[in-house]
Amino acid sequence: MSDDSSVSSGSITKISKLEFNDPLYLHPSDTSGASLITQKLKGTENYNVWSCAMKLALQTKNKLDFIDGTYVRYEYEDDEVLLGQWDRCNSIVLTWILMSLSEDVYNGQIFSKIAESVWNELKETYDKIDASVTFNLYQKINSCSQSGQSLSEYYHKLNAMWRQFDDMVKIDDIVSANKSFQEHCQFLKLMQFLMGLDDVYVPIRS
């Protein structure tokens, strides 16, 4: 009894000494019942938005290492205490990911065990340029108008769609190497913004 108690006490002490910036550290608020983001992954059409939101949320929790391959289980096989802590962290990260999936996507991942594997599988499955999705988004951009909204509301709505479109077609990889093309893209976005303004802004637009 005393030996088991000593081992248990030593384990608690070892875990309690983890620094807050250690990915193995778990804050009291880091529970499997907490939902990190409100965005639900539906499929190809919103994968980019979902993955950006999820990575940002995991980064704030200092748990990004559990999906990018930095923290892997076998590195702790010689330390039973830290191995158990890794398993707990992995389970929580996995639960956070599963809770952010739509029902159809969730059903295909519920029996998974490793957060990194689920992340990679979701990326491989849904991180694709779907022509129909791209077309629908571009159509929304071109039909977007102020329609009585404030300038700031109209701008942020249009800008959000442009940023999603740019990310979807990986436009940043192109414009970063070509300043002239970058300026051309910005000019087109400005024209789109001006064309969608209400008639009351015609003098300013001119």
C-alpha atoms as a PDB file:
ATOM      1  CA  MET A   1       0.000   0.000   0.000  1.00  0.00           C
ATOM      2  CA  SER A   2       2.759   2.441   0.951  1.00  0.00           C
ATOM      3  CA  ASP A   3       4.713   1.708  -2.248  1.00  0.00           C
ATOM      4  CA  ASP A   4       1.652   2.338  -4.433  1.00  0.00           C
ATOM      5  CA  SER A   5       0.916   5.519  -2.523  1.00  0.00           C
ATOM      6  CA  SER A   6       4.491   6.680  -2.975  1.00  0.00           C
ATOM      7  CA  VAL A   7       4.383   6.044  -6.738  1.00  0.00           C
ATOM      8  CA  SER A   8       1.057   7.852  -7.045  1.00  0.00           C
ATOM      9  CA  SER A   9       2.356  10.805  -5.042  1.00  0.00           C
ATOM     10  CA  GLY A  10       5.508  10.934  -7.167  1.00  0.00           C
ATOM     11  CA  SER A  11       3.453  10.945 -10.348  1.00  0.00           C
ATOM     12  CA  ILE A  12       1.284  13.823  -9.146  1.00  0.00           C
ATOM     13  CA  THR A  13       4.371  15.772  -8.127  1.00  0.00           C
ATOM     14  CA  LYS A  14       6.051  15.214 -11.483  1.00  0.00           C
ATOM     15  CA  ILE A  15       2.989  16.381 -13.422  1.00  0.00           C
ATOM     16  CA  SER A  16       2.464  19.365 -11.133  1.00  0.00           C
ATOM     17  CA  LYS A  17       5.998  20.527 -11.920  1.00  0.00           C
ATOM     18  CA  LEU A  18       5.264  20.847 -15.642  1.00  0.00           C
ATOM     19  CA  GLU A  19       5.747  24.426 -16.800  1.00  0.00           C
ATOM     20  CA  PHE A  20       2.645  26.182 -18.184  1.00  0.00           C
ATOM     21  CA  ASN A  21       4.381  26.535 -21.571  1.00  0.00           C
ATOM     22  CA  ASP A  22       4.953  22.775 -21.812  1.00  0.00           C
ATOM     23  CA  PRO A  23       2.449  21.186 -24.255  1.00  0.00           C
ATOM     24  CA  LEU A  24       1.941  18.415 -21.690  1.00  0.00           C
ATOM     25  CA  TYR A  25       0.675  20.940 -19.150  1.00  0.00           C
ATOM     26  CA  LEU A  26      -3.094  20.883 -18.676  1.00  0.00           C
ATOM     27  CA  HIS A  27      -4.896  23.912 -17.324  1.00  0.00           C
ATOM     28  CA  PRO A  28      -8.033  23.215 -15.225  1.00  0.00           C
ATOM     29  CA  SER A  29     -10.073  24.677 -18.097  1.00  0.00           C
ATOM     30  CA  ASP A  30      -8.582  22.193 -20.574  1.00  0.00           C
ATOM     31  CA  THR A  31     -11.373  19.656 -20.432  1.00  0.00           C
ATOM     32  CA  SER A  32     -12.873  17.370 -23.043  1.00  0.00           C
ATOM     33  CA  GLY A  33     -16.261  18.999 -22.494  1.00  0.00           C
ATOM     34  CA  ALA A  34     -15.084  22.392 -23.708  1.00  0.00           C
ATOM     35  CA  SER A  35     -15.761  23.421 -27.295  1.00  0.00           C
ATOM     36  CA  LEU A  36     -12.909  25.463 -28.749  1.00  0.00           C
ATOM     37  CA  ILE A  37     -14.637  26.873 -31.833  1.00  0.00           C
ATOM     38  CA  THR A  38     -18.205  27.311 -33.042  1.00  0.00           C
ATOM     39  CA  GLN A  39     -17.329  26.507 -36.656  1.00  0.00           C
ATOM     40  CA  LYS A  40     -18.328  22.970 -37.671  1.00  0.00           C
ATOM     41  CA  LEU A  41     -16.375  21.203 -40.406  1.00  0.00           C
ATOM     42  CA  LYS A  42     -18.859  20.229 -43.117  1.00  0.00           C
ATOM     43  CA  GLY A  43     -16.465  19.258 -45.872  1.00  0.00           C
ATOM     44  CA  THR A  44     -14.432  20.794 -48.671  1.00  0.00           C
ATOM     45  CA  GLU A  45     -16.564  23.938 -48.751  1.00  0.00           C
ATOM     46  CA  ASN A  46     -15.416  25.202 -45.336  1.00  0.00           C
ATOM     47  CA  TYR A  47     -12.268  23.216 -44.557  1.00  0.00           C
ATOM     48  CA  ASN A  48      -9.928  26.199 -44.898  1.00  0.00           C
ATOM     49  CA  VAL A  49     -11.958  28.393 -42.559  1.00  0.00           C
ATOM     50  CA  TRP A  50     -12.394  25.538 -40.071  1.00  0.00           C
ATOM     51  CA  SER A  51      -8.704  24.549 -40.042  1.00  0.00           C
ATOM     52  CA  CYS A  52      -7.564  28.160 -39.528  1.00  0.00           C
ATOM     53  CA  ALA A  53      -9.972  28.579 -36.617  1.00  0.00           C
ATOM     54  CA  MET A  54      -8.979  25.258 -35.053  1.00  0.00           C
ATOM     55  CA  LYS A  55      -5.223  25.858 -35.371  1.00  0.00           C
ATOM     56  CA  LEU A  56      -5.599  29.283 -33.800  1.00  0.00           C
ATOM     57  CA  ALA A  57      -7.616  27.805 -30.919  1.00  0.00           C
ATOM     58  CA  LEU A  58      -5.117  24.990 -30.356  1.00  0.00           C
ATOM     59  CA  GLN A  59      -2.264  27.478 -30.419  1.00  0.00           C
ATOM     60  CA  THR A  60      -3.866  29.502 -27.633  1.00  0.00           C
ATOM     61  CA  LYS A  61      -4.103  26.264 -25.646  1.00  0.00           C
ATOM     62  CA  ASN A  62      -0.465  25.428 -26.476  1.00  0.00           C
ATOM     63  CA  LYS A  63      -1.593  22.133 -28.010  1.00  0.00           C
ATOM     64  CA  LEU A  64      -0.709  22.709 -31.663  1.00  0.00           C
ATOM     65  CA  ASP A  65       2.219  20.292 -31.267  1.00  0.00           C
ATOM     66  CA  PHE A  66      -0.219  17.398 -30.929  1.00  0.00           C
ATOM     67  CA  ILE A  67      -1.425  17.744 -34.529  1.00  0.00           C
ATOM     68  CA  ASP A  68       1.721  18.848 -36.383  1.00  0.00           C
ATOM     69  CA  GLY A  69       3.921  15.879 -35.453  1.00  0.00           C
ATOM     70  CA  THR A  70       6.133  17.733 -32.963  1.00  0.00           C
ATOM     71  CA  TYR A  71       4.925  15.791 -29.904  1.00  0.00           C
ATOM     72  CA  VAL A  72       4.716  12.069 -30.622  1.00  0.00           C
ATOM     73  CA  ARG A  73       3.846   9.321 -28.167  1.00  0.00           C
ATOM     74  CA  TYR A  74       6.910   7.100 -28.589  1.00  0.00           C
ATOM     75  CA  GLU A  75       9.192   9.825 -27.201  1.00  0.00           C
ATOM     76  CA  TYR A  76       7.701   9.198 -23.745  1.00  0.00           C
ATOM     77  CA  GLU A  77       7.682   5.396 -23.734  1.00  0.00           C
ATOM     78  CA  ASP A  78      10.513   5.354 -21.164  1.00  0.00           C
ATOM     79  CA  ASP A  79       8.560   7.547 -18.758  1.00  0.00           C
ATOM     80  CA  GLU A  80       5.284   6.017 -17.602  1.00  0.00           C
ATOM     81  CA  VAL A  81       4.118   9.218 -15.917  1.00  0.00           C
ATOM     82  CA  LEU A  82       4.690  11.514 -18.891  1.00  0.00           C
ATOM     83  CA  LEU A  83       3.366   8.846 -21.244  1.00  0.00           C
ATOM     84  CA  GLY A  84       0.093   8.853 -19.331  1.00  0.00           C
ATOM     85  CA  GLN A  85       0.034  12.645 -19.436  1.00  0.00           C
ATOM     86  CA  TRP A  86       0.614  12.564 -23.206  1.00  0.00           C
ATOM     87  CA  ASP A  87      -2.339  10.198 -23.577  1.00  0.00           C
ATOM     88  CA  ARG A  88      -4.562  12.554 -21.582  1.00  0.00           C
ATOM     89  CA  CYS A  89      -3.525  15.580 -23.648  1.00  0.00           C
ATOM     90  CA  ASN A  90      -3.984  13.669 -26.901  1.00  0.00           C
ATOM     91  CA  SER A  91      -7.477  12.547 -25.837  1.00  0.00           C
ATOM     92  CA  ILE A  92      -8.498  16.106 -24.988  1.00  0.00           C
ATOM     93  CA  VAL A  93      -7.161  17.505 -28.283  1.00  0.00           C
ATOM     94  CA  LEU A  94      -8.880  14.678 -30.163  1.00  0.00           C
ATOM     95  CA  THR A  95     -12.164  15.446 -28.394  1.00  0.00           C
ATOM     96  CA  TRP A  96     -11.847  19.158 -29.239  1.00  0.00           C
ATOM     97  CA  ILE A  97     -11.426  18.254 -32.903  1.00  0.00           C
ATOM     98  CA  LEU A  98     -14.308  15.763 -32.908  1.00  0.00           C
ATOM     99  CA  MET A  99     -16.629  18.280 -31.258  1.00  0.00           C
ATOM    100  CA  SER A 100     -15.982  20.701 -34.117  1.00  0.00           C
ATOM    101  CA  LEU A 101     -17.073  18.260 -36.826  1.00  0.00           C
ATOM    102  CA  SER A 102     -20.493  18.060 -38.440  1.00  0.00           C
ATOM    103  CA  GLU A 103     -22.421  14.871 -37.721  1.00  0.00           C
ATOM    104  CA  ASP A 104     -21.510  13.194 -41.018  1.00  0.00           C
ATOM    105  CA  VAL A 105     -17.782  13.904 -40.631  1.00  0.00           C
ATOM    106  CA  TYR A 106     -17.887  13.039 -36.917  1.00  0.00           C
ATOM    107  CA  ASN A 107     -19.315   9.571 -37.564  1.00  0.00           C
ATOM    108  CA  GLY A 108     -16.331   8.756 -39.751  1.00  0.00           C
ATOM    109  CA  GLN A 109     -13.782   9.699 -37.083  1.00  0.00           C
ATOM    110  CA  ILE A 110     -15.334   8.720 -33.744  1.00  0.00           C
ATOM    111  CA  PHE A 111     -13.310   5.502 -33.452  1.00  0.00           C
ATOM    112  CA  SER A 112      -9.961   7.243 -34.028  1.00  0.00           C
ATOM    113  CA  LYS A 113      -7.373   7.322 -31.241  1.00  0.00           C
ATOM    114  CA  ILE A 114      -4.643   9.783 -32.250  1.00  0.00           C
ATOM    115  CA  ALA A 115      -5.354  13.494 -32.765  1.00  0.00           C
ATOM    116  CA  GLU A 116      -2.568  13.949 -35.318  1.00  0.00           C
ATOM    117  CA  SER A 117      -3.856  11.084 -37.470  1.00  0.00           C
ATOM    118  CA  VAL A 118      -7.376  12.540 -37.502  1.00  0.00           C
ATOM    119  CA  TRP A 119      -6.025  15.989 -38.388  1.00  0.00           C
ATOM    120  CA  ASN A 120      -3.966  14.619 -41.273  1.00  0.00           C
ATOM    121  CA  GLU A 121      -6.845  12.506 -42.576  1.00  0.00           C
ATOM    122  CA  LEU A 122      -9.226  15.475 -42.518  1.00  0.00           C
ATOM    123  CA  LYS A 123      -6.666  17.578 -44.367  1.00  0.00           C
ATOM    124  CA  GLU A 124      -6.081  14.901 -46.985  1.00  0.00           C
ATOM    125  CA  THR A 125      -9.817  14.430 -47.484  1.00  0.00           C
ATOM    126  CA  TYR A 126     -11.101  18.001 -47.471  1.00  0.00           C
ATOM    127  CA  ASP A 127      -8.181  20.335 -48.231  1.00  0.00           C
ATOM    128  CA  LYS A 128      -8.944  20.350 -51.934  1.00  0.00           C
ATOM    129  CA  ILE A 129      -9.945  22.981 -54.445  1.00  0.00           C
ATOM    130  CA  ASP A 130     -13.498  22.103 -55.387  1.00  0.00           C
ATOM    131  CA  ALA A 131     -14.393  23.912 -58.616  1.00  0.00           C
ATOM    132  CA  SER A 132     -18.084  24.125 -57.732  1.00  0.00           C
ATOM    133  CA  VAL A 133     -17.337  25.531 -54.266  1.00  0.00           C
ATOM    134  CA  THR A 134     -14.898  28.047 -55.737  1.00  0.00           C
ATOM    135  CA  PHE A 135     -17.441  29.075 -58.361  1.00  0.00           C
ATOM    136  CA  ASN A 136     -20.218  29.540 -55.804  1.00  0.00           C
ATOM    137  CA  LEU A 137     -18.008  31.683 -53.587  1.00  0.00           C
ATOM    138  CA  TYR A 138     -16.813  33.801 -56.521  1.00  0.00           C
ATOM    139  CA  GLN A 139     -20.419  34.230 -57.626  1.00  0.00           C
ATOM    140  CA  LYS A 140     -21.312  35.494 -54.140  1.00  0.00           C
ATOM    141  CA  ILE A 141     -18.435  37.960 -54.310  1.00  0.00           C
ATOM    142  CA  ASN A 142     -19.561  39.323 -57.657  1.00  0.00           C
ATOM    143  CA  SER A 143     -23.185  39.638 -56.569  1.00  0.00           C
ATOM    144  CA  CYS A 144     -22.336  41.224 -53.215  1.00  0.00           C
ATOM    145  CA  SER A 145     -23.606  44.778 -52.770  1.00  0.00           C
ATOM    146  CA  GLN A 146     -24.028  47.217 -49.928  1.00  0.00           C
ATOM    147  CA  SER A 147     -27.850  46.970 -49.916  1.00  0.00           C
ATOM    148  CA  GLY A 148     -28.371  49.398 -47.091  1.00  0.00           C
ATOM    149  CA  GLN A 149     -25.612  48.109 -44.862  1.00  0.00           C
ATOM    150  CA  SER A 150     -23.113  50.483 -43.292  1.00  0.00           C
ATOM    151  CA  LEU A 151     -19.848  50.909 -45.165  1.00  0.00           C
ATOM    152  CA  SER A 152     -17.957  48.955 -42.512  1.00  0.00           C
ATOM    153  CA  GLU A 153     -20.440  46.051 -42.560  1.00  0.00           C
ATOM    154  CA  TYR A 154     -20.363  45.881 -46.342  1.00  0.00           C
ATOM    155  CA  TYR A 155     -16.571  46.092 -46.444  1.00  0.00           C
ATOM    156  CA  HIS A 156     -16.025  43.374 -43.822  1.00  0.00           C
ATOM    157  CA  LYS A 157     -18.523  41.037 -45.481  1.00  0.00           C
ATOM    158  CA  LEU A 158     -16.880  41.442 -48.900  1.00  0.00           C
ATOM    159  CA  ASN A 159     -13.372  41.305 -47.471  1.00  0.00           C
ATOM    160  CA  ALA A 160     -14.130  38.088 -45.583  1.00  0.00           C
ATOM    161  CA  MET A 161     -15.259  36.392 -48.789  1.00  0.00           C
ATOM    162  CA  TRP A 162     -12.218  37.648 -50.681  1.00  0.00           C
ATOM    163  CA  ARG A 163      -9.866  36.331 -47.997  1.00  0.00           C
ATOM    164  CA  GLN A 164     -11.613  32.960 -48.048  1.00  0.00           C
ATOM    165  CA  PHE A 165     -11.396  32.874 -51.845  1.00  0.00           C
ATOM    166  CA  ASP A 166      -7.693  33.827 -51.830  1.00  0.00           C
ATOM    167  CA  ASP A 167      -6.937  31.085 -49.336  1.00  0.00           C
ATOM    168  CA  MET A 168      -8.993  28.562 -51.268  1.00  0.00           C
ATOM    169  CA  VAL A 169      -7.117  29.123 -54.531  1.00  0.00           C
ATOM    170  CA  LYS A 170      -3.768  29.690 -52.762  1.00  0.00           C
ATOM    171  CA  ILE A 171      -3.446  33.152 -54.277  1.00  0.00           C
ATOM    172  CA  ASP A 172      -0.913  34.278 -51.652  1.00  0.00           C
ATOM    173  CA  ASP A 173       1.653  31.841 -53.022  1.00  0.00           C
ATOM    174  CA  ILE A 174       1.400  33.644 -56.368  1.00  0.00           C
ATOM    175  CA  VAL A 175       1.165  37.302 -55.397  1.00  0.00           C
ATOM    176  CA  SER A 176       3.975  37.136 -52.830  1.00  0.00           C
ATOM    177  CA  ALA A 177       6.440  36.605 -55.657  1.00  0.00           C
ATOM    178  CA  ASN A 178       4.949  39.198 -58.005  1.00  0.00           C
ATOM    179  CA  LYS A 179       4.327  42.723 -56.750  1.00  0.00           C
ATOM    180  CA  SER A 180       2.616  43.822 -59.962  1.00  0.00           C
ATOM    181  CA  PHE A 181       0.146  40.961 -59.798  1.00  0.00           C
ATOM    182  CA  GLN A 182      -0.501  41.732 -56.132  1.00  0.00           C
ATOM    183  CA  GLU A 183      -1.342  45.336 -57.016  1.00  0.00           C
ATOM    184  CA  HIS A 184      -3.588  44.108 -59.838  1.00  0.00           C
ATOM    185  CA  CYS A 185      -5.517  41.850 -57.425  1.00  0.00           C
ATOM    186  CA  GLN A 186      -5.964  44.717 -54.974  1.00  0.00           C
ATOM    187  CA  PHE A 187      -7.218  46.937 -57.814  1.00  0.00           C
ATOM    188  CA  LEU A 188      -9.830  44.335 -58.817  1.00  0.00           C
ATOM    189  CA  LYS A 189     -11.033  44.069 -55.224  1.00  0.00           C
ATOM    190  CA  LEU A 190     -11.336  47.847 -55.018  1.00  0.00           C
ATOM    191  CA  MET A 191     -13.397  47.887 -58.221  1.00  0.00           C
ATOM    192  CA  GLN A 192     -15.659  45.170 -56.806  1.00  0.00           C
ATOM    193  CA  PHE A 193     -16.147  47.171 -53.611  1.00  0.00           C
ATOM    194  CA  LEU A 194     -16.991  50.368 -55.489  1.00  0.00           C
ATOM    195  CA  MET A 195     -19.420  48.646 -57.852  1.00  0.00           C
ATOM    196  CA  GLY A 196     -21.394  47.276 -54.923  1.00  0.00           C
ATOM    197  CA  LEU A 197     -21.882  50.625 -53.184  1.00  0.00           C
ATOM    198  CA  ASP A 198     -25.379  52.056 -52.870  1.00  0.00           C
ATOM    199  CA  ASP A 199     -26.403  54.871 -55.236  1.00  0.00           C
ATOM    200  CA  VAL A 200     -25.990  57.464 -52.515  1.00  0.00           C
ATOM    201  CA  TYR A 201     -22.230  56.987 -52.848  1.00  0.00           C
ATOM    202  CA  VAL A 202     -22.148  57.526 -56.627  1.00  0.00           C
ATOM    203  CA  PRO A 203     -20.483  60.970 -56.323  1.00  0.00           C
ATOM    204  CA  ILE A 204     -17.750  59.533 -54.096  1.00  0.00           C
ATOM    205  CA  ARG A 205     -17.317  56.546 -56.384  1.00  0.00           C
ATOM    206  CA  SER A 206     -16.896  58.820 -59.363  1.00  0.00           C
END
